[in-house]
Amino acid sequence: MKELEIAEQEITALTAKLDDLRKEIGKRIVGQQQTVEQLLITFLAGGHGLLEGVPGLAKTLMIRTLAEAIDLDFRRIQFTPDLMPSDIIGTEVLEEDHTTGKKIFQFNKGPVFSNIILADEINRTPPKTQAALLEAMQEFAVTYAGKSYELPGPFFLLATQNPVEQSGTFPLPEAQLDRFLMYIRIGYPTGGEEEDILRMTTGKRGVSITPVLSGAEILRLQELVREVPISDALIGYVSRIVRGSRPESGIDYVKSWVDWGAGPRAGQAMILTAKAHALLNGRLAVTDKDLRQVAFPVLRHRILVNFKAEARGIGADDVTRHLLEKISVNP
């Protein structure tokens, strides 16, 4: 009984710090509550995020502020057509051992060896360089010259891409898109929010951010997320949604507009992010509301609509909306 009380106190203390984290981010970021929440969900679930938005919406500032508020190392990598894999993961250099006089190869770690990575405009670099991130995202390690190097924990990669200016870009292949836990779309601020932004950014500089969480506490929160219970009924609900996104599901809407549906990783992502959403909102069990809240950013990059759907302006979000309307929690 005493152990249960201690566990409850720990959860209460850590979830309270998540509210403090939101407040710290809010010192610099006006509005964008949904985007911030989805970023935190991705981080707490131990995954990576793909953020899409037009220039000037504070994508970089948002991630830098998050890193400062958690007291973690942050690195920004600007992806360009001439960026090489070694510019990301590192390379070996020939150095002399001063004690023996012998020359040896020493691995110099690249910027990926940080806690929070911003891969800015990831679709502006060729597939070979994009693929350099795959092992890091999946295995939380980097292999160079046959030797594996573990990345520091927690490790969170956020990639951005621009929905405009598609000339000279290299779209991410579906296999790499699937590595991202959530595909987050950031929109324009409201009129009132934009006025607040103008006041903040044209006046006195220097809003200080106070770290409210440590890396160890984030790792503990990631463990707690996985311990949040979900009922068998809701697991079945997730399975029906994911399976329903496939053309062979028998759902006419999906059969008409979808080429490829979501795979099993989508179901895993829905459950993990729903657990993180529940914990972030102070609840210790997953509800169907949590699942519906995370469905769009989890599925929008895992459902591939056909050409006919694109011509009619039907996208993955429309398919997801139809599935949520058609499929109920109780079969």
Protein backbone atom coordinates (compact mmCIF):
# COMPACT_ATOMS: atom_id res chain seq x y z
CA MET A 1 0.00 0.00 0.00
CA LYS A 2 2.88 2.32 0.84
CA GLU A 3 4.56 1.60 -2.51
CA LEU A 4 1.33 2.53 -4.32
CA GLU A 5 1.17 5.85 -2.45
CA ILE A 6 4.79 6.60 -3.36
CA ALA A 7 4.06 5.79 -7.03
CA GLU A 8 1.02 8.07 -7.01
CA GLN A 9 3.05 10.89 -5.47
CA GLU A 10 5.75 10.46 -8.13
CA ILE A 11 3.20 10.54 -10.96
CA THR A 12 1.49 13.61 -9.48
CA ALA A 13 4.79 15.45 -9.12
CA LEU A 14 5.97 14.63 -12.65
CA THR A 15 2.66 15.45 -14.34
CA ALA A 16 2.61 18.79 -12.47
CA LYS A 17 5.98 19.54 -14.05
CA LEU A 18 4.44 18.94 -17.48
CA ASP A 19 2.09 21.85 -16.77
CA ASP A 20 5.11 23.95 -15.81
CA LEU A 21 6.76 22.90 -19.07
CA ARG A 22 3.79 24.17 -21.07
CA LYS A 23 3.94 27.49 -19.20
CA GLU A 24 7.65 27.90 -19.96
CA ILE A 25 7.06 27.24 -23.65
CA GLY A 26 4.18 29.72 -23.55
CA LYS A 27 6.59 32.48 -22.50
CA ARG A 28 7.92 32.54 -26.07
CA ILE A 29 5.32 30.74 -28.15
CA VAL A 30 1.97 32.47 -28.56
CA GLY A 31 -0.96 30.13 -29.18
CA GLN A 32 -0.24 26.87 -31.05
CA GLN A 33 -1.48 24.87 -28.05
CA GLN A 34 -2.40 21.88 -30.19
CA THR A 35 1.00 21.84 -31.89
CA VAL A 36 2.83 22.09 -28.54
CA GLU A 37 0.66 19.32 -27.11
CA GLN A 38 1.36 17.03 -30.07
CA LEU A 39 5.09 17.69 -29.76
CA LEU A 40 4.99 16.80 -26.07
CA ILE A 41 2.94 13.68 -26.81
CA THR A 42 5.53 12.57 -29.37
CA PHE A 43 8.36 13.24 -26.92
CA LEU A 44 6.67 11.45 -24.00
CA ALA A 45 5.88 8.44 -26.19
CA GLY A 46 9.56 8.16 -27.07
CA GLY A 47 9.10 8.81 -30.79
CA HIS A 48 9.94 11.39 -33.42
CA GLY A 49 7.87 14.04 -35.15
CA LEU A 50 7.51 15.45 -38.65
CA LEU A 51 6.36 19.06 -38.54
CA GLU A 52 4.94 20.78 -41.61
CA GLY A 53 4.23 24.49 -41.83
CA VAL A 54 4.99 27.56 -43.90
CA PRO A 55 8.06 29.66 -43.00
CA GLY A 56 7.83 32.03 -40.05
CA LEU A 57 5.58 29.98 -37.75
CA ALA A 58 8.27 29.58 -35.03
CA LYS A 59 8.99 25.90 -35.68
CA THR A 60 12.67 26.27 -34.78
CA LEU A 61 11.97 28.56 -31.81
CA MET A 62 9.39 26.10 -30.47
CA ILE A 63 11.86 23.21 -30.43
CA ARG A 64 14.72 25.31 -29.07
CA THR A 65 12.44 26.52 -26.24
CA LEU A 66 11.39 22.93 -25.49
CA ALA A 67 15.05 21.90 -25.23
CA GLU A 68 15.86 24.82 -22.90
CA ALA A 69 12.86 24.06 -20.66
CA ILE A 70 14.00 20.44 -20.28
CA ASP A 71 17.69 21.28 -19.91
CA LEU A 72 18.78 19.04 -22.80
CA ASP A 73 21.34 19.38 -25.59
CA PHE A 74 19.83 20.81 -28.76
CA ARG A 75 21.30 20.78 -32.27
CA ARG A 76 19.84 22.17 -35.46
CA ILE A 77 20.88 20.62 -38.77
CA GLN A 78 20.02 22.63 -41.88
CA PHE A 79 19.34 20.11 -44.65
CA THR A 80 20.62 21.21 -48.06
CA PRO A 81 21.21 19.39 -51.37
CA ASP A 82 24.96 19.11 -50.67
CA LEU A 83 24.62 17.74 -47.12
CA MET A 84 26.39 14.38 -46.71
CA PRO A 85 25.62 11.52 -44.26
CA SER A 86 28.94 12.16 -42.50
CA ASP A 87 27.79 15.72 -41.79
CA ILE A 88 25.05 14.18 -39.63
CA ILE A 89 26.47 11.05 -38.00
CA GLY A 90 30.16 11.97 -37.95
CA THR A 91 33.31 10.63 -39.54
CA GLU A 92 36.67 9.06 -38.75
CA VAL A 93 39.79 11.21 -38.72
CA LEU A 94 43.42 10.13 -38.56
CA GLU A 95 45.01 11.18 -35.27
CA GLU A 96 48.33 10.52 -33.61
CA ASP A 97 48.51 8.79 -30.22
CA HIS A 98 50.95 11.00 -28.29
CA THR A 99 51.92 8.21 -25.89
CA THR A 100 52.91 5.67 -28.57
CA GLY A 101 53.42 7.86 -31.59
CA LYS A 102 51.16 5.62 -33.65
CA LYS A 103 48.46 7.01 -35.92
CA ILE A 104 44.93 5.74 -35.35
CA PHE A 105 41.49 6.48 -36.72
CA GLN A 106 39.28 8.28 -34.24
CA PHE A 107 35.51 8.61 -34.69
CA ASN A 108 34.36 12.20 -34.34
CA LYS A 109 30.67 12.24 -33.46
CA GLY A 110 28.34 14.35 -35.57
CA PRO A 111 25.46 16.60 -34.47
CA VAL A 112 23.06 13.64 -34.27
CA PHE A 113 24.68 12.81 -30.91
CA SER A 114 22.45 15.23 -29.02
CA ASN A 115 19.19 14.89 -27.10
CA ILE A 116 16.95 17.01 -29.31
CA ILE A 117 17.64 17.31 -33.04
CA LEU A 118 15.91 19.68 -35.42
CA ALA A 119 16.29 18.37 -38.98
CA ASP A 120 15.29 21.57 -40.72
CA GLU A 121 13.76 21.20 -44.21
CA ILE A 122 14.60 17.50 -44.36
CA ASN A 123 13.14 17.12 -47.85
CA ARG A 124 15.77 19.43 -49.34
CA THR A 125 18.50 16.79 -49.11
CA PRO A 126 18.84 13.66 -51.34
CA PRO A 127 17.53 10.26 -50.16
CA LYS A 128 21.04 8.99 -49.35
CA THR A 129 21.44 11.67 -46.68
CA GLN A 130 17.85 11.33 -45.48
CA ALA A 131 18.49 7.62 -44.94
CA ALA A 132 21.39 8.42 -42.59
CA LEU A 133 18.78 9.17 -39.94
CA LEU A 134 16.89 5.89 -40.24
CA GLU A 135 19.04 3.82 -37.87
CA ALA A 136 19.22 6.67 -35.35
CA MET A 137 15.43 7.01 -35.36
CA GLN A 138 14.71 3.30 -35.07
CA GLU A 139 17.58 1.88 -33.03
CA PHE A 140 18.72 5.01 -31.13
CA ALA A 141 22.24 4.19 -32.28
CA VAL A 142 24.60 4.90 -35.18
CA THR A 143 26.82 2.37 -36.92
CA TYR A 144 30.05 3.56 -38.50
CA ALA A 145 32.84 1.32 -39.87
CA GLY A 146 31.18 -1.73 -38.34
CA LYS A 147 31.00 -0.27 -34.82
CA SER A 148 27.79 0.79 -33.12
CA TYR A 149 27.57 3.99 -31.07
CA GLU A 150 24.59 4.57 -28.78
CA LEU A 151 22.85 7.93 -28.87
CA PRO A 152 22.26 9.86 -25.64
CA GLY A 153 18.88 9.45 -24.00
CA PRO A 154 16.33 10.85 -24.23
CA PHE A 155 16.65 11.23 -28.00
CA PHE A 156 14.04 13.16 -29.95
CA LEU A 157 14.23 14.07 -33.63
CA LEU A 158 11.93 16.64 -35.13
CA ALA A 159 12.06 17.12 -38.88
CA THR A 160 10.41 20.03 -40.66
CA GLN A 161 9.31 20.39 -44.22
CA ASN A 162 7.78 23.25 -46.13
CA PRO A 163 4.40 22.70 -47.83
CA VAL A 164 5.32 25.31 -50.46
CA GLU A 165 8.37 25.74 -52.71
CA GLN A 166 8.47 22.07 -53.69
CA SER A 167 10.92 22.70 -56.54
CA GLY A 168 14.29 21.10 -55.81
CA THR A 169 13.02 18.91 -53.00
CA PHE A 170 13.18 15.14 -52.43
CA PRO A 171 9.93 13.83 -50.90
CA LEU A 172 10.44 11.42 -48.03
CA PRO A 173 9.73 7.80 -49.07
CA GLU A 174 6.85 6.04 -47.33
CA ALA A 175 9.22 3.72 -45.42
CA GLN A 176 10.94 6.69 -43.83
CA LEU A 177 7.70 8.56 -43.17
CA ASP A 178 6.52 5.54 -41.20
CA ARG A 179 9.44 6.03 -38.78
CA PHE A 180 7.86 9.26 -37.57
CA LEU A 181 5.44 8.69 -34.72
CA MET A 182 3.37 11.76 -35.60
CA TYR A 183 2.98 14.03 -38.62
CA ILE A 184 2.12 17.42 -37.15
CA ARG A 185 0.69 20.25 -39.24
CA ILE A 186 1.09 23.76 -37.90
CA GLY A 187 -1.30 26.46 -39.07
CA TYR A 188 -1.44 30.23 -38.98
CA PRO A 189 -2.20 31.96 -35.65
CA THR A 190 -5.52 33.64 -35.00
CA GLY A 191 -5.87 37.40 -35.34
CA GLY A 192 -5.48 38.01 -31.62
CA GLU A 193 -2.51 35.66 -31.37
CA GLU A 194 -0.80 37.36 -34.30
CA GLU A 195 -1.17 40.75 -32.60
CA ASP A 196 0.42 39.31 -29.44
CA ILE A 197 3.28 37.92 -31.56
CA LEU A 198 3.88 41.34 -33.08
CA ARG A 199 3.97 42.97 -29.63
CA MET A 200 6.39 40.38 -28.24
CA THR A 201 8.81 40.25 -31.16
CA THR A 202 9.14 43.99 -31.85
CA GLY A 203 9.76 45.06 -28.28
CA LYS A 204 12.42 44.30 -25.70
CA ARG A 205 14.37 41.11 -26.36
CA GLY A 206 15.35 38.41 -23.91
CA VAL A 207 12.65 36.14 -22.51
CA SER A 208 14.48 33.72 -20.23
CA ILE A 209 13.42 30.07 -20.00
CA THR A 210 13.83 28.16 -16.75
CA PRO A 211 14.48 24.40 -16.97
CA VAL A 212 11.65 22.56 -15.22
CA LEU A 213 12.47 18.95 -16.16
CA SER A 214 15.67 16.94 -16.33
CA GLY A 215 16.58 14.29 -18.87
CA ALA A 216 16.20 11.62 -16.17
CA GLU A 217 12.68 12.81 -15.39
CA ILE A 218 11.75 12.68 -19.08
CA LEU A 219 13.03 9.09 -19.28
CA ARG A 220 10.92 8.24 -16.23
CA LEU A 221 7.85 9.86 -17.82
CA GLN A 222 8.45 7.80 -20.96
CA GLU A 223 8.44 4.67 -18.78
CA LEU A 224 5.21 5.79 -17.09
CA VAL A 225 3.54 6.36 -20.46
CA ARG A 226 4.02 2.69 -21.34
CA GLU A 227 2.49 1.69 -18.00
CA VAL A 228 -0.76 3.60 -18.61
CA PRO A 229 -3.45 0.91 -18.99
CA ILE A 230 -5.67 0.49 -22.06
CA SER A 231 -8.61 -1.86 -22.21
CA ASP A 232 -8.91 -4.79 -24.62
CA ALA A 233 -11.99 -3.12 -26.09
CA LEU A 234 -9.97 -0.04 -27.05
CA ILE A 235 -7.14 -2.17 -28.45
CA GLY A 236 -9.75 -3.84 -30.65
CA TYR A 237 -11.03 -0.40 -31.64
CA VAL A 238 -7.54 0.66 -32.74
CA SER A 239 -7.11 -2.56 -34.70
CA ARG A 240 -10.41 -2.01 -36.55
CA ILE A 241 -9.44 1.56 -37.46
CA VAL A 242 -6.03 0.55 -38.78
CA ARG A 243 -7.36 -2.46 -40.69
CA GLY A 244 -10.25 -0.35 -41.98
CA SER A 245 -7.77 2.02 -43.67
CA ARG A 246 -6.75 -0.70 -46.13
CA PRO A 247 -8.52 -1.07 -49.51
CA GLU A 248 -9.24 -4.75 -48.85
CA SER A 249 -11.17 -3.85 -45.68
CA GLY A 250 -14.49 -3.82 -47.51
CA ILE A 251 -15.28 -0.19 -46.64
CA ASP A 252 -16.46 1.39 -49.89
CA TYR A 253 -15.05 4.85 -49.14
CA VAL A 254 -11.59 3.41 -48.47
CA LYS A 255 -11.73 1.12 -51.48
CA SER A 256 -12.56 4.08 -53.73
CA TRP A 257 -9.89 6.52 -52.55
CA VAL A 258 -6.99 4.62 -50.93
CA ASP A 259 -4.05 2.90 -52.60
CA TRP A 260 -2.26 1.77 -49.44
CA GLY A 261 -3.52 1.67 -45.88
CA ALA A 262 -1.75 1.87 -42.55
CA GLY A 263 0.39 -0.99 -41.26
CA PRO A 264 0.69 -2.48 -37.75
CA ARG A 265 3.11 0.29 -36.69
CA ALA A 266 0.22 2.73 -36.99
CA GLY A 267 -1.71 0.83 -34.33
CA GLN A 268 1.31 0.80 -32.04
CA ALA A 269 1.70 4.54 -32.57
CA MET A 270 -1.98 5.23 -31.84
CA ILE A 271 -1.85 3.37 -28.54
CA LEU A 272 1.45 4.89 -27.39
CA THR A 273 0.44 8.45 -28.26
CA ALA A 274 -3.00 7.97 -26.69
CA LYS A 275 -1.28 6.85 -23.47
CA ALA A 276 0.93 9.95 -23.60
CA HIS A 277 -2.13 12.15 -24.27
CA ALA A 278 -3.90 10.67 -21.24
CA LEU A 279 -0.89 11.20 -18.96
CA LEU A 280 -0.33 14.73 -20.29
CA ASN A 281 -3.92 15.55 -19.34
CA GLY A 282 -3.67 14.06 -15.87
CA ARG A 283 -5.44 10.75 -16.51
CA LEU A 284 -4.04 7.30 -15.76
CA ALA A 285 -6.09 5.31 -18.27
CA VAL A 286 -6.71 5.61 -22.01
CA THR A 287 -10.16 6.57 -23.28
CA ASP A 288 -11.60 6.56 -26.79
CA LYS A 289 -11.30 10.37 -26.71
CA ASP A 290 -7.51 10.04 -26.40
CA LEU A 291 -7.43 7.76 -29.44
CA ARG A 292 -9.52 10.14 -31.54
CA GLN A 293 -7.30 13.07 -30.56
CA VAL A 294 -4.15 11.37 -31.85
CA ALA A 295 -5.65 9.58 -34.87
CA PHE A 296 -5.04 12.33 -37.44
CA PRO A 297 -1.32 13.04 -36.81
CA VAL A 298 -0.66 9.31 -36.46
CA LEU A 299 -2.44 8.21 -39.66
CA ARG A 300 -2.02 11.11 -42.12
CA HIS A 301 1.42 9.92 -43.29
CA ARG A 302 0.53 6.23 -43.20
CA ILE A 303 -2.48 6.30 -45.55
CA LEU A 304 -1.69 6.79 -49.23
CA VAL A 305 -4.65 8.00 -51.28
CA ASN A 306 -4.87 7.33 -55.02
CA PHE A 307 -4.64 9.79 -57.89
CA LYS A 308 -8.41 10.00 -58.21
CA ALA A 309 -8.68 11.09 -54.57
CA GLU A 310 -5.95 13.72 -55.00
CA ALA A 311 -7.75 15.12 -58.06
CA ARG A 312 -10.89 15.57 -55.93
CA GLY A 313 -9.02 17.07 -52.98
CA ILE A 314 -9.52 14.01 -50.77
CA GLY A 315 -6.57 13.37 -48.45
CA ALA A 316 -5.54 11.01 -45.67
CA ASP A 317 -7.27 13.19 -43.05
CA ASP A 318 -10.58 12.76 -44.88
CA VAL A 319 -10.12 8.98 -44.83
CA THR A 320 -9.31 9.07 -41.11
CA ARG A 321 -12.36 11.23 -40.41
CA HIS A 322 -14.58 8.75 -42.27
CA LEU A 323 -13.12 5.82 -40.31
CA LEU A 324 -13.70 7.56 -36.97
CA GLU A 325 -17.30 8.28 -37.95
CA LYS A 326 -18.00 4.78 -39.26
CA ILE A 327 -16.18 2.58 -36.73
CA SER A 328 -17.47 2.55 -33.15
CA VAL A 329 -15.73 1.48 -29.96
CA ASN A 330 -18.14 -1.41 -29.51
CA PRO A 331 -18.24 -3.66 -32.62
